[in-house]
Amino acid sequence: MLDIIFLILVTGLVLFWLDSISKREEAVKHGNKLANEFSLQLLDDTVHCSKIRIVRTTDNWPSLERIYFFYVSSNNENRIHCQLTLVGKKIIGWHIPPYPQ
């Protein structure tokens, strides 16, 4: 019985890890799209998930909300700290602070 519980736990952790990798790729894609809209350069290696929590979707189902932070640059000298919020694969919020052009 303990073996089955351990196997289920390990399988759940592996599935969560694989899901987190795919959601990070989505965050990079959305971040790149936002950066292009504002004529900024996304620094890909800086995208990281800092918060994960359970929220309810509009259909009243539980889902994971992930908040990603990343940096963009407007002139290759400065780094602007930005935020992107995903629920599933859908972007529900973002923040890019004012920056010098």
N, C-alpha and C. Protein backbone atom coordinates (compact mmCIF):
# COMPACT_ATOMS: atom_id res chain seq x y z
N MET A 1 0.82 -1.19 0.00
CA MET A 1 0.00 0.00 0.00
C MET A 1 0.87 1.26 0.00
N LEU A 2 1.93 1.27 0.79
CA LEU A 2 2.83 2.41 0.85
C LEU A 2 3.53 2.62 -0.49
N ASP A 3 3.83 1.51 -1.20
CA ASP A 3 4.46 1.61 -2.51
C ASP A 3 3.55 2.32 -3.51
N ILE A 4 2.26 2.03 -3.46
CA ILE A 4 1.31 2.65 -4.37
C ILE A 4 1.19 4.13 -4.10
N ILE A 5 1.13 4.51 -2.84
CA ILE A 5 1.05 5.94 -2.48
C ILE A 5 2.31 6.66 -2.93
N PHE A 6 3.47 6.05 -2.73
CA PHE A 6 4.73 6.65 -3.17
C PHE A 6 4.76 6.81 -4.69
N LEU A 7 4.30 5.80 -5.42
CA LEU A 7 4.27 5.86 -6.88
C LEU A 7 3.32 6.96 -7.38
N ILE A 8 2.17 7.09 -6.74
CA ILE A 8 1.22 8.15 -7.12
C ILE A 8 1.82 9.52 -6.83
N LEU A 9 2.49 9.67 -5.71
CA LEU A 9 3.12 10.94 -5.36
C LEU A 9 4.22 11.33 -6.36
N VAL A 10 5.06 10.38 -6.70
CA VAL A 10 6.15 10.65 -7.65
C VAL A 10 5.57 10.97 -9.03
N THR A 11 4.54 10.24 -9.46
CA THR A 11 3.91 10.50 -10.75
C THR A 11 3.29 11.89 -10.77
N GLY A 12 2.63 12.28 -9.69
CA GLY A 12 2.05 13.62 -9.59
C GLY A 12 3.10 14.71 -9.67
N LEU A 13 4.23 14.52 -9.00
CA LEU A 13 5.31 15.50 -9.05
C LEU A 13 5.90 15.62 -10.45
N VAL A 14 6.07 14.51 -11.13
CA VAL A 14 6.61 14.53 -12.50
C VAL A 14 5.64 15.25 -13.43
N LEU A 15 4.34 14.96 -13.31
CA LEU A 15 3.34 15.64 -14.15
C LEU A 15 3.30 17.13 -13.86
N PHE A 16 3.41 17.53 -12.60
CA PHE A 16 3.43 18.94 -12.25
C PHE A 16 4.67 19.62 -12.83
N TRP A 17 5.81 18.95 -12.79
CA TRP A 17 7.05 19.50 -13.33
C TRP A 17 6.94 19.69 -14.84
N LEU A 18 6.39 18.69 -15.55
CA LEU A 18 6.22 18.80 -17.00
C LEU A 18 5.24 19.92 -17.35
N ASP A 19 4.18 20.06 -16.58
CA ASP A 19 3.21 21.14 -16.79
C ASP A 19 3.86 22.50 -16.56
N SER A 20 4.70 22.60 -15.54
CA SER A 20 5.38 23.85 -15.25
C SER A 20 6.33 24.25 -16.37
N ILE A 21 6.98 23.29 -16.99
CA ILE A 21 7.88 23.59 -18.11
C ILE A 21 7.08 24.14 -19.29
N SER A 22 5.95 23.53 -19.59
CA SER A 22 5.15 24.01 -20.72
C SER A 22 4.55 25.38 -20.44
N LYS A 23 4.19 25.65 -19.20
CA LYS A 23 3.65 26.97 -18.86
C LYS A 23 4.74 28.05 -18.91
N ARG A 24 5.98 27.70 -18.59
CA ARG A 24 7.07 28.66 -18.71
C ARG A 24 7.29 29.02 -20.17
N GLU A 25 7.19 28.03 -21.05
CA GLU A 25 7.31 28.31 -22.48
C GLU A 25 6.20 29.25 -22.94
N GLU A 26 4.99 29.07 -22.42
CA GLU A 26 3.89 29.97 -22.74
C GLU A 26 4.19 31.38 -22.23
N ALA A 27 4.76 31.48 -21.03
CA ALA A 27 5.10 32.79 -20.46
C ALA A 27 6.16 33.47 -21.32
N VAL A 28 7.14 32.74 -21.81
CA VAL A 28 8.17 33.32 -22.68
C VAL A 28 7.52 33.81 -23.97
N LYS A 29 6.60 33.02 -24.51
CA LYS A 29 5.93 33.40 -25.76
C LYS A 29 5.11 34.68 -25.55
N HIS A 30 4.32 34.73 -24.47
CA HIS A 30 3.52 35.92 -24.19
C HIS A 30 4.40 37.13 -23.85
N GLY A 31 5.47 36.90 -23.11
CA GLY A 31 6.40 37.98 -22.78
C GLY A 31 7.07 38.55 -24.02
N ASN A 32 7.43 37.69 -24.93
CA ASN A 32 8.05 38.13 -26.19
C ASN A 32 7.05 38.94 -27.01
N LYS A 33 5.81 38.50 -27.02
CA LYS A 33 4.77 39.23 -27.75
C LYS A 33 4.54 40.62 -27.15
N LEU A 34 4.49 40.70 -25.81
CA LEU A 34 4.34 41.99 -25.15
C LEU A 34 5.53 42.90 -25.42
N ALA A 35 6.71 42.34 -25.34
CA ALA A 35 7.92 43.13 -25.56
C ALA A 35 7.94 43.70 -26.99
N ASN A 36 7.53 42.90 -27.95
CA ASN A 36 7.49 43.38 -29.33
C ASN A 36 6.46 44.50 -29.50
N GLU A 37 5.33 44.41 -28.80
CA GLU A 37 4.31 45.45 -28.89
C GLU A 37 4.82 46.80 -28.39
N PHE A 38 5.70 46.77 -27.39
CA PHE A 38 6.22 48.00 -26.80
C PHE A 38 7.64 48.33 -27.29
N SER A 39 8.08 47.68 -28.34
CA SER A 39 9.42 47.88 -28.92
C SER A 39 10.52 47.67 -27.88
N LEU A 40 10.40 46.59 -27.15
CA LEU A 40 11.40 46.22 -26.14
C LEU A 40 12.01 44.88 -26.52
N GLN A 41 13.12 44.56 -25.86
CA GLN A 41 13.78 43.27 -26.07
C GLN A 41 13.59 42.42 -24.83
N LEU A 42 12.99 41.25 -25.01
CA LEU A 42 12.80 40.32 -23.89
C LEU A 42 14.12 39.61 -23.60
N LEU A 43 14.49 39.58 -22.34
CA LEU A 43 15.67 38.84 -21.91
C LEU A 43 15.17 37.46 -21.47
N ASP A 44 15.22 36.48 -22.38
CA ASP A 44 14.58 35.18 -22.20
C ASP A 44 15.01 34.43 -20.94
N ASP A 45 16.27 34.51 -20.60
CA ASP A 45 16.77 33.74 -19.46
C ASP A 45 16.28 34.28 -18.12
N THR A 46 15.62 35.43 -18.13
CA THR A 46 15.18 36.01 -16.87
C THR A 46 13.76 35.62 -16.51
N VAL A 47 13.03 34.90 -17.37
CA VAL A 47 11.65 34.52 -17.09
C VAL A 47 11.64 33.45 -16.00
N HIS A 48 10.98 33.76 -14.88
CA HIS A 48 10.89 32.79 -13.80
C HIS A 48 9.56 32.92 -13.08
N CYS A 49 9.05 31.80 -12.62
CA CYS A 49 7.78 31.76 -11.89
C CYS A 49 8.08 32.01 -10.42
N SER A 50 7.39 33.00 -9.86
CA SER A 50 7.67 33.31 -8.46
C SER A 50 6.51 32.94 -7.54
N LYS A 51 5.30 32.83 -8.08
CA LYS A 51 4.16 32.49 -7.24
C LYS A 51 3.23 31.53 -7.98
N ILE A 52 2.73 30.56 -7.25
CA ILE A 52 1.73 29.63 -7.77
C ILE A 52 0.65 29.52 -6.71
N ARG A 53 -0.61 29.66 -7.16
CA ARG A 53 -1.71 29.49 -6.22
C ARG A 53 -2.90 28.92 -6.97
N ILE A 54 -3.83 28.37 -6.21
CA ILE A 54 -5.04 27.80 -6.78
C ILE A 54 -6.12 28.87 -6.81
N VAL A 55 -6.73 29.06 -7.97
CA VAL A 55 -7.82 30.03 -8.14
C VAL A 55 -8.97 29.34 -8.87
N ARG A 56 -10.11 30.01 -8.88
CA ARG A 56 -11.26 29.51 -9.63
C ARG A 56 -11.34 30.24 -10.97
N THR A 57 -11.64 29.48 -12.01
CA THR A 57 -11.78 30.07 -13.34
C THR A 57 -13.18 30.64 -13.49
N THR A 58 -13.47 31.23 -14.64
CA THR A 58 -14.80 31.78 -14.88
C THR A 58 -15.87 30.69 -14.92
N ASP A 59 -15.45 29.46 -15.21
CA ASP A 59 -16.38 28.33 -15.20
C ASP A 59 -16.50 27.70 -13.83
N ASN A 60 -15.89 28.33 -12.82
CA ASN A 60 -15.93 27.90 -11.43
C ASN A 60 -15.16 26.58 -11.19
N TRP A 61 -14.15 26.32 -12.00
CA TRP A 61 -13.27 25.17 -11.81
C TRP A 61 -11.96 25.63 -11.20
N PRO A 62 -11.36 24.82 -10.34
CA PRO A 62 -10.05 25.21 -9.79
C PRO A 62 -8.96 25.09 -10.85
N SER A 63 -8.04 26.04 -10.81
CA SER A 63 -6.92 26.05 -11.75
C SER A 63 -5.73 26.70 -11.06
N LEU A 64 -4.57 26.52 -11.64
CA LEU A 64 -3.36 27.11 -11.08
C LEU A 64 -3.09 28.46 -11.72
N GLU A 65 -2.86 29.45 -10.89
CA GLU A 65 -2.44 30.77 -11.35
C GLU A 65 -0.95 30.88 -11.10
N ARG A 66 -0.22 31.21 -12.15
CA ARG A 66 1.23 31.36 -12.05
C ARG A 66 1.60 32.80 -12.37
N ILE A 67 2.43 33.39 -11.51
CA ILE A 67 2.91 34.75 -11.74
C ILE A 67 4.38 34.66 -12.11
N TYR A 68 4.69 35.15 -13.31
CA TYR A 68 6.04 35.13 -13.83
C TYR A 68 6.62 36.54 -13.82
N PHE A 69 7.88 36.63 -13.46
CA PHE A 69 8.61 37.89 -13.53
C PHE A 69 9.70 37.73 -14.57
N PHE A 70 9.98 38.81 -15.28
CA PHE A 70 11.00 38.78 -16.32
C PHE A 70 11.52 40.20 -16.53
N TYR A 71 12.61 40.29 -17.25
CA TYR A 71 13.22 41.57 -17.57
C TYR A 71 13.16 41.82 -19.07
N VAL A 72 12.97 43.09 -19.40
CA VAL A 72 13.06 43.55 -20.78
C VAL A 72 14.04 44.71 -20.81
N SER A 73 14.50 45.03 -21.99
CA SER A 73 15.44 46.13 -22.15
C SER A 73 14.98 47.02 -23.29
N SER A 74 15.14 48.34 -23.09
CA SER A 74 14.75 49.27 -24.15
C SER A 74 15.95 49.77 -24.95
N ASN A 75 17.13 49.72 -24.37
CA ASN A 75 18.30 50.25 -25.08
C ASN A 75 19.58 49.47 -24.78
N ASN A 76 19.47 48.24 -24.39
CA ASN A 76 20.60 47.35 -24.09
C ASN A 76 21.43 47.79 -22.89
N GLU A 77 21.02 48.83 -22.18
CA GLU A 77 21.74 49.26 -20.99
C GLU A 77 20.92 49.10 -19.72
N ASN A 78 19.61 49.24 -19.84
CA ASN A 78 18.78 49.14 -18.65
C ASN A 78 17.98 47.84 -18.65
N ARG A 79 17.54 47.45 -17.48
CA ARG A 79 16.72 46.26 -17.32
C ARG A 79 15.43 46.69 -16.62
N ILE A 80 14.30 46.39 -17.25
CA ILE A 80 13.00 46.77 -16.71
C ILE A 80 12.33 45.50 -16.19
N HIS A 81 11.94 45.53 -14.91
CA HIS A 81 11.33 44.40 -14.24
C HIS A 81 9.84 44.36 -14.57
N CYS A 82 9.37 43.27 -15.18
CA CYS A 82 7.98 43.16 -15.62
C CYS A 82 7.33 41.92 -15.01
N GLN A 83 6.00 41.87 -15.14
CA GLN A 83 5.23 40.78 -14.54
C GLN A 83 4.18 40.29 -15.53
N LEU A 84 3.92 38.98 -15.48
CA LEU A 84 2.93 38.34 -16.34
C LEU A 84 2.19 37.30 -15.50
N THR A 85 0.85 37.29 -15.59
CA THR A 85 0.05 36.34 -14.82
C THR A 85 -0.70 35.42 -15.77
N LEU A 86 -0.54 34.12 -15.56
CA LEU A 86 -1.20 33.11 -16.38
C LEU A 86 -2.11 32.25 -15.52
N VAL A 87 -3.29 31.94 -16.05
CA VAL A 87 -4.15 30.90 -15.49
C VAL A 87 -4.32 29.89 -16.61
N GLY A 88 -3.76 28.72 -16.40
CA GLY A 88 -3.69 27.77 -17.50
C GLY A 88 -2.74 28.32 -18.55
N LYS A 89 -3.20 28.37 -19.81
CA LYS A 89 -2.39 28.98 -20.87
C LYS A 89 -2.84 30.38 -21.18
N LYS A 90 -3.86 30.86 -20.48
CA LYS A 90 -4.44 32.16 -20.77
C LYS A 90 -3.78 33.25 -19.92
N ILE A 91 -3.40 34.33 -20.58
CA ILE A 91 -2.82 35.47 -19.88
C ILE A 91 -3.97 36.29 -19.30
N ILE A 92 -3.93 36.55 -18.00
CA ILE A 92 -5.00 37.34 -17.38
C ILE A 92 -4.52 38.70 -16.90
N GLY A 93 -3.22 38.91 -16.89
CA GLY A 93 -2.71 40.21 -16.47
C GLY A 93 -1.24 40.35 -16.75
N TRP A 94 -0.80 41.60 -16.91
CA TRP A 94 0.61 41.88 -17.13
C TRP A 94 0.90 43.29 -16.66
N HIS A 95 2.17 43.55 -16.39
CA HIS A 95 2.59 44.89 -15.97
C HIS A 95 3.98 45.17 -16.52
N ILE A 96 4.06 46.25 -17.27
CA ILE A 96 5.34 46.79 -17.72
C ILE A 96 5.40 48.22 -17.24
N PRO A 97 6.33 48.56 -16.35
CA PRO A 97 6.38 49.91 -15.82
C PRO A 97 6.84 50.93 -16.88
N PRO A 98 6.61 52.21 -16.64
CA PRO A 98 7.11 53.23 -17.57
C PRO A 98 8.63 53.13 -17.72
N TYR A 99 9.11 53.42 -18.90
CA TYR A 99 10.54 53.28 -19.18
C TYR A 99 10.99 54.41 -20.11
N PRO A 100 12.25 54.78 -20.06
CA PRO A 100 12.77 55.80 -20.98
C PRO A 100 12.91 55.22 -22.38
N GLN A 101 12.60 56.04 -23.36
CA GLN A 101 12.66 55.54 -24.74
C GLN A 101 13.89 56.04 -25.46
